[in-house]
Protein backbone atom coordinates (compact mmCIF):
# COMPACT_ATOMS: atom_id res chain seq x y z
CA MET A 1 0.00 0.00 0.00
CA ALA A 2 1.30 3.45 -0.90
CA LEU A 3 -0.08 5.13 2.24
CA GLN A 4 2.37 4.78 5.09
CA GLY A 5 2.88 7.05 8.07
CA PRO A 6 1.12 10.40 8.48
CA VAL A 7 -1.49 11.28 5.84
CA PRO A 8 -1.23 14.87 4.51
CA VAL A 9 -4.51 16.82 4.79
CA THR A 10 -5.55 20.47 4.71
CA TYR A 11 -6.37 22.58 7.75
CA ALA A 12 -9.92 23.04 6.41
CA MET A 13 -10.41 19.26 6.24
CA VAL A 14 -9.59 18.87 9.95
CA PHE A 15 -11.10 22.13 11.28
CA PRO A 16 -13.76 23.34 8.79
CA HIS A 17 -15.26 25.60 11.50
CA GLY A 18 -11.88 26.88 12.69
CA CYS A 19 -10.17 26.23 16.02
CA TYR A 20 -8.97 28.15 19.05
CA VAL A 21 -5.93 27.88 21.32
CA VAL A 22 -7.04 26.89 24.84
CA GLY A 23 -3.72 25.83 26.38
CA GLU A 24 -0.02 26.55 26.48
CA VAL A 25 2.48 25.26 23.92
CA GLU A 26 4.43 22.58 25.77
CA PRO A 27 7.22 20.15 24.88
CA VAL A 28 6.14 16.54 24.41
CA LYS A 29 8.01 14.10 26.65
CA ASP A 30 9.78 11.10 25.12
CA PHE A 31 8.70 8.50 27.67
CA ASP A 32 11.09 5.84 26.33
CA ALA A 33 14.20 8.05 26.52
CA SER A 34 13.30 9.86 29.76
CA ALA A 35 14.49 7.87 32.77
CA GLY A 36 15.97 8.35 36.19
CA GLY A 37 14.61 11.88 36.60
CA ARG A 38 16.10 12.94 33.25
CA TYR A 39 13.63 14.68 30.89
CA VAL A 40 14.04 14.13 27.14
CA GLN A 41 11.84 15.93 24.63
CA ALA A 42 10.28 13.80 21.90
CA ARG A 43 11.46 14.04 18.31
CA ASP A 44 9.35 13.20 15.27
CA LYS A 45 10.24 9.78 13.86
CA GLN A 46 10.07 10.93 10.21
CA THR A 47 11.73 14.38 10.41
CA GLY A 48 13.79 14.37 13.62
CA GLU A 49 12.22 17.73 14.60
CA LEU A 50 11.36 18.48 18.22
CA VAL A 51 7.68 17.83 19.07
CA TRP A 52 5.56 20.44 20.88
CA GLN A 53 1.88 20.22 21.78
CA VAL A 54 -0.97 22.70 22.18
CA ALA A 55 -4.60 22.11 23.17
CA VAL A 56 -7.15 23.59 20.77
CA MET A 57 -10.92 23.76 20.79
CA ASP A 58 -12.64 22.72 17.56
CA GLY A 59 -15.19 25.31 16.43
CA ASP A 60 -17.61 22.67 15.11
CA PRO A 61 -20.94 23.34 16.88
CA THR A 62 -22.14 19.75 16.34
CA LEU A 63 -19.41 18.15 18.46
CA LYS A 64 -20.13 16.89 21.96
CA PRO A 65 -18.27 18.78 24.72
CA ALA A 66 -15.87 15.86 25.31
CA GLN A 67 -14.89 15.90 21.61
CA LYS A 68 -14.24 19.64 21.31
CA THR A 69 -10.72 19.84 22.76
CA VAL A 70 -7.90 18.09 20.91
CA ALA A 71 -4.13 18.11 21.15
CA VAL A 72 -2.21 19.28 18.10
CA LYS A 73 1.46 18.32 17.83
CA ILE A 74 3.75 20.93 16.26
CA LEU A 75 7.08 19.94 14.71
CA ALA A 76 9.54 22.81 15.16
CA PRO A 77 13.18 23.39 16.19
CA VAL A 78 12.12 25.98 18.82
CA GLN A 79 8.98 26.46 20.92
CA PRO A 80 6.23 27.89 18.71
CA VAL A 81 4.42 31.03 19.85
CA PRO A 82 0.62 31.19 19.47
CA PRO A 83 -0.95 34.18 17.69
CA ALA A 84 -1.82 37.24 19.77
CA PRO A 85 -5.27 37.16 21.41
CA MET A 86 -8.04 38.99 19.55
CA PRO A 87 -9.98 41.64 21.50
CA GLY A 88 -13.49 40.59 22.42
CA LEU A 89 -12.89 36.84 21.95
CA PRO A 90 -12.50 34.47 24.92
CA PHE A 91 -10.12 32.19 22.98
CA THR A 92 -7.40 32.87 20.42
CA PRO A 93 -8.22 31.77 16.84
CA VAL A 94 -5.42 29.83 15.18
CA GLU A 95 -4.63 28.11 11.86
CA PHE A 96 -2.07 25.47 11.01
CA ASP A 97 -0.04 24.68 7.89
CA GLY A 98 1.62 21.42 6.91
CA VAL A 99 -1.14 19.34 8.53
CA SER A 100 -1.06 15.54 8.64
CA VAL A 101 -3.08 12.95 10.53
CA THR A 102 -2.15 9.49 11.72
CA PRO A 103 -5.06 7.16 12.51
CA TYR A 104 -4.79 4.84 15.52
CA VAL A 105 -7.03 2.83 17.85
CA ASN A 106 -7.33 4.53 21.26
CA ALA A 107 -7.56 2.90 24.70
CA ALA A 108 -11.36 2.68 24.36
CA GLY A 109 -10.96 0.68 21.15
CA ARG A 110 -12.19 3.54 18.95
CA LEU A 111 -10.59 5.05 15.87
CA ALA A 112 -8.77 8.30 16.70
CA TYR A 113 -6.32 10.60 14.92
CA SER A 114 -3.03 12.13 15.94
CA ILE A 115 -2.76 15.60 14.37
CA LYS A 116 0.70 16.93 13.46
CA VAL A 117 1.47 20.32 11.92
CA ARG A 118 4.52 22.22 10.72
CA GLU A 119 3.39 25.79 11.46
CA MET A 120 0.96 27.72 13.68
CA HIS A 121 -0.24 31.25 12.84
CA ALA A 122 -3.14 33.70 13.13
CA PRO A 123 -6.06 32.93 10.81
CA ARG A 124 -5.96 34.52 7.39
CA THR A 125 -9.71 35.07 7.84
CA THR A 126 -11.61 34.35 11.03
CA PRO A 127 -14.12 31.48 10.82
CA HIS A 128 -17.07 33.73 11.70
CA THR A 129 -16.34 36.34 9.01
CA LYS A 130 -17.33 35.64 5.44
CA PRO A 131 -16.52 37.80 2.43
CA GLN A 132 -19.57 39.74 1.30
CA ALA A 133 -20.71 38.84 -2.21
CA GLY A 134 -20.68 41.75 -4.61
CA LYS A 135 -18.98 44.15 -2.20
CA ASP A 136 -16.25 44.98 -4.72
CA ALA A 137 -18.60 44.99 -7.72
CA ALA A 138 -18.97 48.34 -9.48
């Protein structure tokens, strides 16, 4: 089979309603290499990049509360910085580039996905703003 490892997808495929940062960007611990009180940060198996993690809330209104918050892993040589908060919003909107998903079976025996990204940045357009049709028409 040609598909092996992470499957490349678009941000819009994973978060069609947008998503929002709800946690700090933190290093991911390599549990196999960390021992005896020594902390070792995880590295991505394919790229060798350091792995960071941030919790985000999916903007999909149809999701159950327990499904709304997901961890997104960011591959980067230094700790990524989330976009600046937007005035009037309780959470910070965010977009990701270089998105891939890896399916796996979780502890409950259900299909789940590990989400990895290469870049985090402010949205190009916020999910709740839509271009107005005909606004530029003369």
